[in-house]
Amino acid sequence: MSELRWTQQASDDLAAITEFIANDSEFHAQLFAIGVVQNEWI
């Protein structure tokens, strides 16, 4: 499996999306971010 490299824009977008989700649920925001980083949501 190849390694995923994050651009600054992609990292910023993930942070913004995670913050948006956290407005409703910090738990689900964390699950989402972890899933994306671990390539489970791609």
C-alpha atoms as a PDB file:
ATOM      1  CA  MET A   1       0.000   0.000   0.000  1.00  0.00           C
ATOM      2  CA  SER A   2       1.327   3.443  -0.837  1.00  0.00           C
ATOM      3  CA  GLU A   3       1.654   6.248   1.667  1.00  0.00           C
ATOM      4  CA  LEU A   4      -0.781   9.135   1.519  1.00  0.00           C
ATOM      5  CA  ARG A   5       0.825  12.574   1.391  1.00  0.00           C
ATOM      6  CA  TRP A   6      -1.241  15.506   2.600  1.00  0.00           C
ATOM      7  CA  THR A   7      -1.036  18.908   0.977  1.00  0.00           C
ATOM      8  CA  GLN A   8      -1.448  21.929   3.232  1.00  0.00           C
ATOM      9  CA  GLN A   9      -4.831  22.615   1.598  1.00  0.00           C
ATOM     10  CA  ALA A  10      -6.021  19.055   2.236  1.00  0.00           C
ATOM     11  CA  SER A  11      -4.907  19.248   5.857  1.00  0.00           C
ATOM     12  CA  ASP A  12      -6.651  22.590   6.315  1.00  0.00           C
ATOM     13  CA  ASP A  13      -9.815  21.233   4.688  1.00  0.00           C
ATOM     14  CA  LEU A  14      -9.833  18.199   6.976  1.00  0.00           C
ATOM     15  CA  ALA A  15      -9.453  20.463  10.002  1.00  0.00           C
ATOM     16  CA  ALA A  16     -12.309  22.705   8.833  1.00  0.00           C
ATOM     17  CA  ILE A  17     -14.615  19.770   8.117  1.00  0.00           C
ATOM     18  CA  THR A  18     -13.776  18.196  11.475  1.00  0.00           C
ATOM     19  CA  GLU A  19     -14.513  21.464  13.281  1.00  0.00           C
ATOM     20  CA  PHE A  20     -17.827  21.730  11.427  1.00  0.00           C
ATOM     21  CA  ILE A  21     -18.840  18.209  12.477  1.00  0.00           C
ATOM     22  CA  ALA A  22     -17.709  18.942  16.044  1.00  0.00           C
ATOM     23  CA  ASN A  23     -20.314  21.679  16.268  1.00  0.00           C
ATOM     24  CA  ASP A  24     -22.859  18.871  16.531  1.00  0.00           C
ATOM     25  CA  SER A  25     -20.762  16.015  17.886  1.00  0.00           C
ATOM     26  CA  GLU A  26     -17.133  16.051  19.003  1.00  0.00           C
ATOM     27  CA  PHE A  27     -17.206  12.263  19.186  1.00  0.00           C
ATOM     28  CA  HIS A  28     -18.275  11.860  15.561  1.00  0.00           C
ATOM     29  CA  ALA A  29     -15.837  14.544  14.457  1.00  0.00           C
ATOM     30  CA  GLN A  30     -12.989  12.560  15.987  1.00  0.00           C
ATOM     31  CA  LEU A  31     -14.213   9.333  14.401  1.00  0.00           C
ATOM     32  CA  PHE A  32     -14.418  11.055  11.029  1.00  0.00           C
ATOM     33  CA  ALA A  33     -10.929  12.559  11.235  1.00  0.00           C
ATOM     34  CA  ILE A  34      -9.364   9.297  12.400  1.00  0.00           C
ATOM     35  CA  GLY A  35     -11.149   7.394   9.639  1.00  0.00           C
ATOM     36  CA  VAL A  36      -9.890   9.776   6.968  1.00  0.00           C
ATOM     37  CA  VAL A  37      -6.315   9.791   8.249  1.00  0.00           C
ATOM     38  CA  GLN A  38      -6.281   5.990   8.454  1.00  0.00           C
ATOM     39  CA  ASN A  39      -7.646   5.807   4.876  1.00  0.00           C
ATOM     40  CA  GLU A  40     -10.872   4.135   5.981  1.00  0.00           C
ATOM     41  CA  TRP A  41     -13.145   6.782   4.405  1.00  0.00           C
ATOM     42  CA  ILE A  42     -11.466   7.143   1.043  1.00  0.00           C
END
